[in-house]
Every structure is written in structure tokens, then in C-alpha cells.
Amino acid sequence: MTETKSILEFPCQFPIKAMGKTRDDFDAIVVEIIRRHAGDIREGAISSRASKGGAYTAVTVIIEATSREQLDAIYQGLTDSPDVLMAL
């Protein structure tokens, strides 16, 4: 079996970005999904930005990532949400 080595060294600061249609609680939806897998999120680690026309919002959350499995679980949770159109 071939083992792939991660280019990330854990633990590390890791930004997660999620995009969806603009709504009042989109930030809270994204943060709640990420907290399920990352626990508390430090103050100042969340930022959001509306698209030029305001129809979409991008939320970035910087977490202390502990493993590739944790990141995979976060991205799976985000992509499973009907409110999240894209996660990067």
C-alpha cells in the first residue's frame, strides 16, 4: 500500500472558506458546522464578505487543525449542508 504524506504539519492554523446565498444566519450555520469538529473558535477567527451584487456571502473561519481526518470531516459537513454552495 502506498502512503501519501501530507504537506501540512499538524497542528496548524488553517483557513476554511464556505460560500452560500446571502441570508442573515449564514455565518452562524457555517460556524456551527465547523464547531462540531473543531470545538471553540477563537475571537477574530471569523470573517465574511458579500459578493459584488450581494446575492452570495463567503465566510472564512481560521481553526487550529489537528489532523487531515478533522479537515475531511469539516469539509464533508459543509458540503452536506444545503445552505453551503461551495467549501474551499
PDB file of N, CA and C in Angstrom:
ATOM      1  N   MET A   1       0.840  -1.174   0.000  1.00  0.00           N
ATOM      2  CA  MET A   1       0.000   0.000   0.000  1.00  0.00           C
ATOM      3  C   MET A   1       0.888   1.242   0.000  1.00  0.00           C
ATOM      4  N   THR A   2       0.516   2.221  -0.802  1.00  0.00           N
ATOM      5  CA  THR A   2       1.279   3.461  -0.879  1.00  0.00           C
ATOM      6  C   THR A   2       0.758   4.442   0.158  1.00  0.00           C
ATOM      7  N   GLU A   3       1.678   5.029   0.911  1.00  0.00           N
ATOM      8  CA  GLU A   3       1.308   6.014   1.906  1.00  0.00           C
ATOM      9  C   GLU A   3       1.554   7.405   1.340  1.00  0.00           C
ATOM     10  N   THR A   4       0.546   8.277   1.424  1.00  0.00           N
ATOM     11  CA  THR A   4       0.735   9.649   0.962  1.00  0.00           C
ATOM     12  C   THR A   4       1.038  10.521   2.162  1.00  0.00           C
ATOM     13  N   LYS A   5       2.023  11.369   2.004  1.00  0.00           N
ATOM     14  CA  LYS A   5       2.430  12.256   3.079  1.00  0.00           C
ATOM     15  C   LYS A   5       1.753  13.608   2.882  1.00  0.00           C
ATOM     16  N   SER A   6       1.208  14.143   3.945  1.00  0.00           N
ATOM     17  CA  SER A   6       0.546  15.430   3.905  1.00  0.00           C
ATOM     18  C   SER A   6       1.585  16.548   3.853  1.00  0.00           C
ATOM     19  N   ILE A   7       1.259  17.602   3.113  1.00  0.00           N
ATOM     20  CA  ILE A   7       2.151  18.758   3.094  1.00  0.00           C
ATOM     21  C   ILE A   7       1.904  19.651   4.310  1.00  0.00           C
ATOM     22  N   LEU A   8       0.827  19.359   5.038  1.00  0.00           N
ATOM     23  CA  LEU A   8       0.530  20.103   6.255  1.00  0.00           C
ATOM     24  C   LEU A   8       1.159  19.407   7.451  1.00  0.00           C
ATOM     25  N   GLU A   9       1.619  20.205   8.386  1.00  0.00           N
ATOM     26  CA  GLU A   9       2.115  19.672   9.647  1.00  0.00           C
ATOM     27  C   GLU A   9       1.126  20.082  10.723  1.00  0.00           C
ATOM     28  N   PHE A  10       0.568  19.093  11.402  1.00  0.00           N
ATOM     29  CA  PHE A  10      -0.452  19.351  12.409  1.00  0.00           C
ATOM     30  C   PHE A  10       0.175  19.383  13.787  1.00  0.00           C
ATOM     31  N   PRO A  11      -0.359  20.192  14.693  1.00  0.00           N
ATOM     32  CA  PRO A  11      -1.446  21.135  14.498  1.00  0.00           C
ATOM     33  C   PRO A  11      -0.978  22.370  13.729  1.00  0.00           C
ATOM     34  N   CYS A  12      -1.943  23.030  13.067  1.00  0.00           N
ATOM     35  CA  CYS A  12      -1.625  24.238  12.306  1.00  0.00           C
ATOM     36  C   CYS A  12      -2.858  25.116  12.171  1.00  0.00           C
ATOM     37  N   GLN A  13      -2.623  26.387  11.929  1.00  0.00           N
ATOM     38  CA  GLN A  13      -3.707  27.318  11.640  1.00  0.00           C
ATOM     39  C   GLN A  13      -4.158  27.044  10.208  1.00  0.00           C
ATOM     40  N   PHE A  14      -5.474  26.881  10.003  1.00  0.00           N
ATOM     41  CA  PHE A  14      -5.975  26.515   8.685  1.00  0.00           C
ATOM     42  C   PHE A  14      -7.250  27.285   8.385  1.00  0.00           C
ATOM     43  N   PRO A  15      -7.275  28.038   7.277  1.00  0.00           N
ATOM     44  CA  PRO A  15      -8.489  28.779   6.921  1.00  0.00           C
ATOM     45  C   PRO A  15      -9.455  27.893   6.137  1.00  0.00           C
ATOM     46  N   ILE A  16     -10.708  27.934   6.523  1.00  0.00           N
ATOM     47  CA  ILE A  16     -11.767  27.208   5.815  1.00  0.00           C
ATOM     48  C   ILE A  16     -12.751  28.245   5.301  1.00  0.00           C
ATOM     49  N   LYS A  17     -13.066  28.170   4.008  1.00  0.00           N
ATOM     50  CA  LYS A  17     -13.985  29.125   3.402  1.00  0.00           C
ATOM     51  C   LYS A  17     -15.211  28.390   2.893  1.00  0.00           C
ATOM     52  N   ALA A  18     -16.379  28.961   3.192  1.00  0.00           N
ATOM     53  CA  ALA A  18     -17.645  28.414   2.702  1.00  0.00           C
ATOM     54  C   ALA A  18     -18.429  29.532   2.050  1.00  0.00           C
ATOM     55  N   MET A  19     -19.087  29.207   0.945  1.00  0.00           N
ATOM     56  CA  MET A  19     -19.883  30.200   0.229  1.00  0.00           C
ATOM     57  C   MET A  19     -21.314  29.717   0.081  1.00  0.00           C
ATOM     58  N   GLY A  20     -22.243  30.664   0.173  1.00  0.00           N
ATOM     59  CA  GLY A  20     -23.656  30.340   0.025  1.00  0.00           C
ATOM     60  C   GLY A  20     -24.450  31.589  -0.287  1.00  0.00           C
ATOM     61  N   LYS A  21     -25.741  31.392  -0.519  1.00  0.00           N
ATOM     62  CA  LYS A  21     -26.618  32.547  -0.766  1.00  0.00           C
ATOM     63  C   LYS A  21     -26.696  33.379   0.504  1.00  0.00           C
ATOM     64  N   THR A  22     -26.719  34.682   0.321  1.00  0.00           N
ATOM     65  CA  THR A  22     -26.754  35.596   1.458  1.00  0.00           C
ATOM     66  C   THR A  22     -28.050  35.417   2.238  1.00  0.00           C
ATOM     67  N   ARG A  23     -27.899  35.236   3.528  1.00  0.00           N
ATOM     68  CA  ARG A  23     -29.021  35.192   4.469  1.00  0.00           C
ATOM     69  C   ARG A  23     -28.477  35.592   5.827  1.00  0.00           C
ATOM     70  N   ASP A  24     -29.357  36.048   6.702  1.00  0.00           N
ATOM     71  CA  ASP A  24     -28.934  36.590   7.990  1.00  0.00           C
ATOM     72  C   ASP A  24     -28.121  35.615   8.842  1.00  0.00           C
ATOM     73  N   ASP A  25     -28.422  34.332   8.736  1.00  0.00           N
ATOM     74  CA  ASP A  25     -27.773  33.370   9.618  1.00  0.00           C
ATOM     75  C   ASP A  25     -26.720  32.499   8.921  1.00  0.00           C
ATOM     76  N   PHE A  26     -26.266  32.880   7.740  1.00  0.00           N
ATOM     77  CA  PHE A  26     -25.312  32.038   7.027  1.00  0.00           C
ATOM     78  C   PHE A  26     -24.008  31.881   7.814  1.00  0.00           C
ATOM     79  N   ASP A  27     -23.500  32.965   8.395  1.00  0.00           N
ATOM     80  CA  ASP A  27     -22.279  32.877   9.212  1.00  0.00           C
ATOM     81  C   ASP A  27     -22.463  31.861  10.339  1.00  0.00           C
ATOM     82  N   ALA A  28     -23.594  31.934  11.018  1.00  0.00           N
ATOM     83  CA  ALA A  28     -23.857  31.048  12.153  1.00  0.00           C
ATOM     84  C   ALA A  28     -23.955  29.589  11.704  1.00  0.00           C
ATOM     85  N   ILE A  29     -24.533  29.345  10.550  1.00  0.00           N
ATOM     86  CA  ILE A  29     -24.641  27.979  10.025  1.00  0.00           C
ATOM     87  C   ILE A  29     -23.254  27.402   9.789  1.00  0.00           C
ATOM     88  N   VAL A  30     -22.398  28.161   9.130  1.00  0.00           N
ATOM     89  CA  VAL A  30     -21.037  27.704   8.823  1.00  0.00           C
ATOM     90  C   VAL A  30     -20.253  27.465  10.113  1.00  0.00           C
ATOM     91  N   VAL A  31     -20.308  28.397  11.038  1.00  0.00           N
ATOM     92  CA  VAL A  31     -19.566  28.275  12.296  1.00  0.00           C
ATOM     93  C   VAL A  31     -20.051  27.062  13.095  1.00  0.00           C
ATOM     94  N   GLU A  32     -21.347  26.819  13.115  1.00  0.00           N
ATOM     95  CA  GLU A  32     -21.891  25.678  13.860  1.00  0.00           C
ATOM     96  C   GLU A  32     -21.378  24.360  13.283  1.00  0.00           C
ATOM     97  N   ILE A  33     -21.335  24.247  11.969  1.00  0.00           N
ATOM     98  CA  ILE A  33     -20.819  23.030  11.328  1.00  0.00           C
ATOM     99  C   ILE A  33     -19.344  22.834  11.680  1.00  0.00           C
ATOM    100  N   ILE A  34     -18.565  23.890  11.605  1.00  0.00           N
ATOM    101  CA  ILE A  34     -17.134  23.783  11.893  1.00  0.00           C
ATOM    102  C   ILE A  34     -16.897  23.462  13.362  1.00  0.00           C
ATOM    103  N   ARG A  35     -17.686  24.062  14.265  1.00  0.00           N
ATOM    104  CA  ARG A  35     -17.519  23.801  15.704  1.00  0.00           C
ATOM    105  C   ARG A  35     -17.768  22.343  16.065  1.00  0.00           C
ATOM    106  N   ARG A  36     -18.601  21.651  15.316  1.00  0.00           N
ATOM    107  CA  ARG A  36     -18.854  20.228  15.585  1.00  0.00           C
ATOM    108  C   ARG A  36     -17.552  19.421  15.556  1.00  0.00           C
ATOM    109  N   HIS A  37     -16.611  19.873  14.739  1.00  0.00           N
ATOM    110  CA  HIS A  37     -15.379  19.121  14.535  1.00  0.00           C
ATOM    111  C   HIS A  37     -14.136  19.810  15.093  1.00  0.00           C
ATOM    112  N   ALA A  38     -14.221  21.117  15.332  1.00  0.00           N
ATOM    113  CA  ALA A  38     -13.035  21.861  15.753  1.00  0.00           C
ATOM    114  C   ALA A  38     -13.164  22.472  17.145  1.00  0.00           C
ATOM    115  N   GLY A  39     -14.325  22.347  17.761  1.00  0.00           N
ATOM    116  CA  GLY A  39     -14.508  22.935  19.093  1.00  0.00           C
ATOM    117  C   GLY A  39     -14.599  24.451  19.024  1.00  0.00           C
ATOM    118  N   ASP A  40     -14.118  25.085  20.069  1.00  0.00           N
ATOM    119  CA  ASP A  40     -14.194  26.542  20.137  1.00  0.00           C
ATOM    120  C   ASP A  40     -13.362  27.191  19.047  1.00  0.00           C
ATOM    121  N   ILE A  41     -13.853  28.310  18.582  1.00  0.00           N
ATOM    122  CA  ILE A  41     -13.154  29.097  17.567  1.00  0.00           C
ATOM    123  C   ILE A  41     -12.765  30.408  18.230  1.00  0.00           C
ATOM    124  N   ARG A  42     -11.507  30.759  18.101  1.00  0.00           N
ATOM    125  CA  ARG A  42     -11.015  31.941  18.810  1.00  0.00           C
ATOM    126  C   ARG A  42     -11.633  33.235  18.250  1.00  0.00           C
ATOM    127  N   GLU A  43     -11.641  34.244  19.084  1.00  0.00           N
ATOM    128  CA  GLU A  43     -12.175  35.540  18.701  1.00  0.00           C
ATOM    129  C   GLU A  43     -11.357  36.114  17.541  1.00  0.00           C
ATOM    130  N   GLY A  44     -12.016  36.687  16.584  1.00  0.00           N
ATOM    131  CA  GLY A  44     -11.342  37.281  15.438  1.00  0.00           C
ATOM    132  C   GLY A  44     -11.018  36.289  14.333  1.00  0.00           C
ATOM    133  N   ALA A  45     -11.423  35.018  14.504  1.00  0.00           N
ATOM    134  CA  ALA A  45     -11.100  33.988  13.516  1.00  0.00           C
ATOM    135  C   ALA A  45     -12.158  33.865  12.421  1.00  0.00           C
ATOM    136  N   ILE A  46     -13.224  34.641  12.520  1.00  0.00           N
ATOM    137  CA  ILE A  46     -14.322  34.544  11.560  1.00  0.00           C
ATOM    138  C   ILE A  46     -14.442  35.858  10.799  1.00  0.00           C
ATOM    139  N   SER A  47     -14.479  35.747   9.481  1.00  0.00           N
ATOM    140  CA  SER A  47     -14.715  36.940   8.658  1.00  0.00           C
ATOM    141  C   SER A  47     -15.676  36.564   7.542  1.00  0.00           C
ATOM    142  N   SER A  48     -16.404  37.551   7.059  1.00  0.00           N
ATOM    143  CA  SER A  48     -17.326  37.291   5.960  1.00  0.00           C
ATOM    144  C   SER A  48     -17.310  38.454   4.986  1.00  0.00           C
ATOM    145  N   ARG A  49     -17.692  38.127   3.760  1.00  0.00           N
ATOM    146  CA  ARG A  49     -17.697  39.141   2.716  1.00  0.00           C
ATOM    147  C   ARG A  49     -18.815  38.816   1.731  1.00  0.00           C
ATOM    148  N   ALA A  50     -19.576  39.824   1.383  1.00  0.00           N
ATOM    149  CA  ALA A  50     -20.657  39.660   0.404  1.00  0.00           C
ATOM    150  C   ALA A  50     -20.093  39.797  -0.999  1.00  0.00           C
ATOM    151  N   SER A  51     -20.743  39.132  -1.937  1.00  0.00           N
ATOM    152  CA  SER A  51     -20.348  39.265  -3.339  1.00  0.00           C
ATOM    153  C   SER A  51     -20.680  40.672  -3.825  1.00  0.00           C
ATOM    154  N   LYS A  52     -20.175  41.016  -4.990  1.00  0.00           N
ATOM    155  CA  LYS A  52     -20.370  42.362  -5.522  1.00  0.00           C
ATOM    156  C   LYS A  52     -21.853  42.735  -5.587  1.00  0.00           C
ATOM    157  N   GLY A  53     -22.677  41.819  -6.022  1.00  0.00           N
ATOM    158  CA  GLY A  53     -24.110  42.088  -6.112  1.00  0.00           C
ATOM    159  C   GLY A  53     -24.863  41.819  -4.827  1.00  0.00           C
ATOM    160  N   GLY A  54     -24.193  41.222  -3.841  1.00  0.00           N
ATOM    161  CA  GLY A  54     -24.809  40.958  -2.551  1.00  0.00           C
ATOM    162  C   GLY A  54     -25.633  39.687  -2.479  1.00  0.00           C
ATOM    163  N   ALA A  55     -25.696  38.925  -3.546  1.00  0.00           N
ATOM    164  CA  ALA A  55     -26.511  37.707  -3.554  1.00  0.00           C
ATOM    165  C   ALA A  55     -25.846  36.550  -2.805  1.00  0.00           C
ATOM    166  N   TYR A  56     -24.528  36.578  -2.701  1.00  0.00           N
ATOM    167  CA  TYR A  56     -23.777  35.488  -2.077  1.00  0.00           C
ATOM    168  C   TYR A  56     -22.862  36.021  -0.986  1.00  0.00           C
ATOM    169  N   THR A  57     -22.561  35.161  -0.030  1.00  0.00           N
ATOM    170  CA  THR A  57     -21.658  35.511   1.063  1.00  0.00           C
ATOM    171  C   THR A  57     -20.591  34.441   1.187  1.00  0.00           C
ATOM    172  N   ALA A  58     -19.362  34.880   1.425  1.00  0.00           N
ATOM    173  CA  ALA A  58     -18.252  33.964   1.701  1.00  0.00           C
ATOM    174  C   ALA A  58     -17.849  34.156   3.157  1.00  0.00           C
ATOM    175  N   VAL A  59     -17.765  33.063   3.888  1.00  0.00           N
ATOM    176  CA  VAL A  59     -17.358  33.088   5.292  1.00  0.00           C
ATOM    177  C   VAL A  59     -16.045  32.337   5.413  1.00  0.00           C
ATOM    178  N   THR A  60     -15.064  32.955   6.043  1.00  0.00           N
ATOM    179  CA  THR A  60     -13.781  32.305   6.298  1.00  0.00           C
ATOM    180  C   THR A  60     -13.616  32.134   7.801  1.00  0.00           C
ATOM    181  N   VAL A  61     -13.266  30.916   8.206  1.00  0.00           N
ATOM    182  CA  VAL A  61     -13.041  30.606   9.615  1.00  0.00           C
ATOM    183  C   VAL A  61     -11.647  29.988   9.729  1.00  0.00           C
ATOM    184  N   ILE A  62     -10.817  30.569  10.572  1.00  0.00           N
ATOM    185  CA  ILE A  62      -9.474  30.033  10.789  1.00  0.00           C
ATOM    186  C   ILE A  62      -9.518  29.165  12.046  1.00  0.00           C
ATOM    187  N   ILE A  63      -9.129  27.904  11.877  1.00  0.00           N
ATOM    188  CA  ILE A  63      -9.155  26.974  13.003  1.00  0.00           C
ATOM    189  C   ILE A  63      -7.753  26.460  13.306  1.00  0.00           C
ATOM    190  N   GLU A  64      -7.629  25.831  14.448  1.00  0.00           N
ATOM    191  CA  GLU A  64      -6.415  25.094  14.797  1.00  0.00           C
ATOM    192  C   GLU A  64      -6.682  23.653  14.352  1.00  0.00           C
ATOM    193  N   ALA A  65      -6.211  23.311  13.169  1.00  0.00           N
ATOM    194  CA  ALA A  65      -6.440  21.978  12.617  1.00  0.00           C
ATOM    195  C   ALA A  65      -5.515  20.982  13.299  1.00  0.00           C
ATOM    196  N   THR A  66      -6.076  19.828  13.660  1.00  0.00           N
ATOM    197  CA  THR A  66      -5.298  18.825  14.366  1.00  0.00           C
ATOM    198  C   THR A  66      -4.973  17.593  13.521  1.00  0.00           C
ATOM    199  N   SER A  67      -5.722  17.391  12.431  1.00  0.00           N
ATOM    200  CA  SER A  67      -5.463  16.219  11.586  1.00  0.00           C
ATOM    201  C   SER A  67      -6.155  16.355  10.240  1.00  0.00           C
ATOM    202  N   ARG A  68      -5.712  15.560   9.300  1.00  0.00           N
ATOM    203  CA  ARG A  68      -6.351  15.508   7.983  1.00  0.00           C
ATOM    204  C   ARG A  68      -7.782  14.984   8.115  1.00  0.00           C
ATOM    205  N   GLU A  69      -7.984  14.040   9.008  1.00  0.00           N
ATOM    206  CA  GLU A  69      -9.320  13.473   9.230  1.00  0.00           C
ATOM    207  C   GLU A  69     -10.291  14.546   9.743  1.00  0.00           C
ATOM    208  N   GLN A  70      -9.795  15.420  10.611  1.00  0.00           N
ATOM    209  CA  GLN A  70     -10.628  16.508  11.113  1.00  0.00           C
ATOM    210  C   GLN A  70     -11.042  17.422   9.959  1.00  0.00           C
ATOM    211  N   LEU A  71     -10.094  17.798   9.110  1.00  0.00           N
ATOM    212  CA  LEU A  71     -10.406  18.663   7.974  1.00  0.00           C
ATOM    213  C   LEU A  71     -11.380  17.983   7.020  1.00  0.00           C
ATOM    214  N   ASP A  72     -11.180  16.701   6.762  1.00  0.00           N
ATOM    215  CA  ASP A  72     -12.100  15.958   5.895  1.00  0.00           C
ATOM    216  C   ASP A  72     -13.518  15.979   6.455  1.00  0.00           C
ATOM    217  N   ALA A  73     -13.649  15.806   7.770  1.00  0.00           N
ATOM    218  CA  ALA A  73     -14.960  15.813   8.414  1.00  0.00           C
ATOM    219  C   ALA A  73     -15.622  17.190   8.319  1.00  0.00           C
ATOM    220  N   ILE A  74     -14.837  18.239   8.488  1.00  0.00           N
ATOM    221  CA  ILE A  74     -15.376  19.602   8.368  1.00  0.00           C
ATOM    222  C   ILE A  74     -15.886  19.847   6.950  1.00  0.00           C
ATOM    223  N   TYR A  75     -15.061  19.516   5.961  1.00  0.00           N
ATOM    224  CA  TYR A  75     -15.477  19.732   4.575  1.00  0.00           C
ATOM    225  C   TYR A  75     -16.681  18.878   4.208  1.00  0.00           C
ATOM    226  N   GLN A  76     -16.757  17.663   4.735  1.00  0.00           N
ATOM    227  CA  GLN A  76     -17.920  16.814   4.470  1.00  0.00           C
ATOM    228  C   GLN A  76     -19.170  17.442   5.071  1.00  0.00           C
ATOM    229  N   GLY A  77     -19.065  17.936   6.303  1.00  0.00           N
ATOM    230  CA  GLY A  77     -20.191  18.599   6.947  1.00  0.00           C
ATOM    231  C   GLY A  77     -20.656  19.824   6.187  1.00  0.00           C
ATOM    232  N   LEU A  78     -19.711  20.604   5.695  1.00  0.00           N
ATOM    233  CA  LEU A  78     -20.065  21.809   4.931  1.00  0.00           C
ATOM    234  C   LEU A  78     -20.737  21.442   3.606  1.00  0.00           C
ATOM    235  N   THR A  79     -20.164  20.492   2.890  1.00  0.00           N
ATOM    236  CA  THR A  79     -20.738  20.138   1.581  1.00  0.00           C
ATOM    237  C   THR A  79     -22.069  19.403   1.730  1.00  0.00           C
ATOM    238  N   ASP A  80     -22.310  18.758   2.866  1.00  0.00           N
ATOM    239  CA  ASP A  80     -23.599  18.099   3.106  1.00  0.00           C
ATOM    240  C   ASP A  80     -24.711  19.107   3.410  1.00  0.00           C
ATOM    241  N   SER A  81     -24.342  20.300   3.829  1.00  0.00           N
ATOM    242  CA  SER A  81     -25.347  21.310   4.181  1.00  0.00           C
ATOM    243  C   SER A  81     -25.990  21.882   2.918  1.00  0.00           C
ATOM    244  N   PRO A  82     -27.313  21.930   2.888  1.00  0.00           N
ATOM    245  CA  PRO A  82     -27.987  22.515   1.718  1.00  0.00           C
ATOM    246  C   PRO A  82     -27.774  24.024   1.602  1.00  0.00           C
ATOM    247  N   ASP A  83     -27.307  24.664   2.688  1.00  0.00           N
ATOM    248  CA  ASP A  83     -27.077  26.108   2.677  1.00  0.00           C
ATOM    249  C   ASP A  83     -25.717  26.497   2.117  1.00  0.00           C
ATOM    250  N   VAL A  84     -24.793  25.537   2.062  1.00  0.00           N
ATOM    251  CA  VAL A  84     -23.431  25.805   1.580  1.00  0.00           C
ATOM    252  C   VAL A  84     -23.333  25.375   0.131  1.00  0.00           C
ATOM    253  N   LEU A  85     -22.995  26.320  -0.742  1.00  0.00           N
ATOM    254  CA  LEU A  85     -22.871  26.030  -2.163  1.00  0.00           C
ATOM    255  C   LEU A  85     -21.479  25.530  -2.525  1.00  0.00           C
ATOM    256  N   MET A  86     -20.466  26.000  -1.770  1.00  0.00           N
ATOM    257  CA  MET A  86     -19.082  25.623  -2.075  1.00  0.00           C
ATOM    258  C   MET A  86     -18.240  25.779  -0.810  1.00  0.00           C
ATOM    259  N   ALA A  87     -17.304  24.855  -0.634  1.00  0.00           N
ATOM    260  CA  ALA A  87     -16.373  24.947   0.503  1.00  0.00           C
ATOM    261  C   ALA A  87     -14.963  24.788  -0.031  1.00  0.00           C
ATOM    262  N   LEU A  88     -14.073  25.662   0.408  1.00  0.00           N
ATOM    263  CA  LEU A  88     -12.684  25.641  -0.029  1.00  0.00           C
ATOM    264  C   LEU A  88     -11.754  25.542   1.168  1.00  0.00           C
TER     265      LEU A  88
END
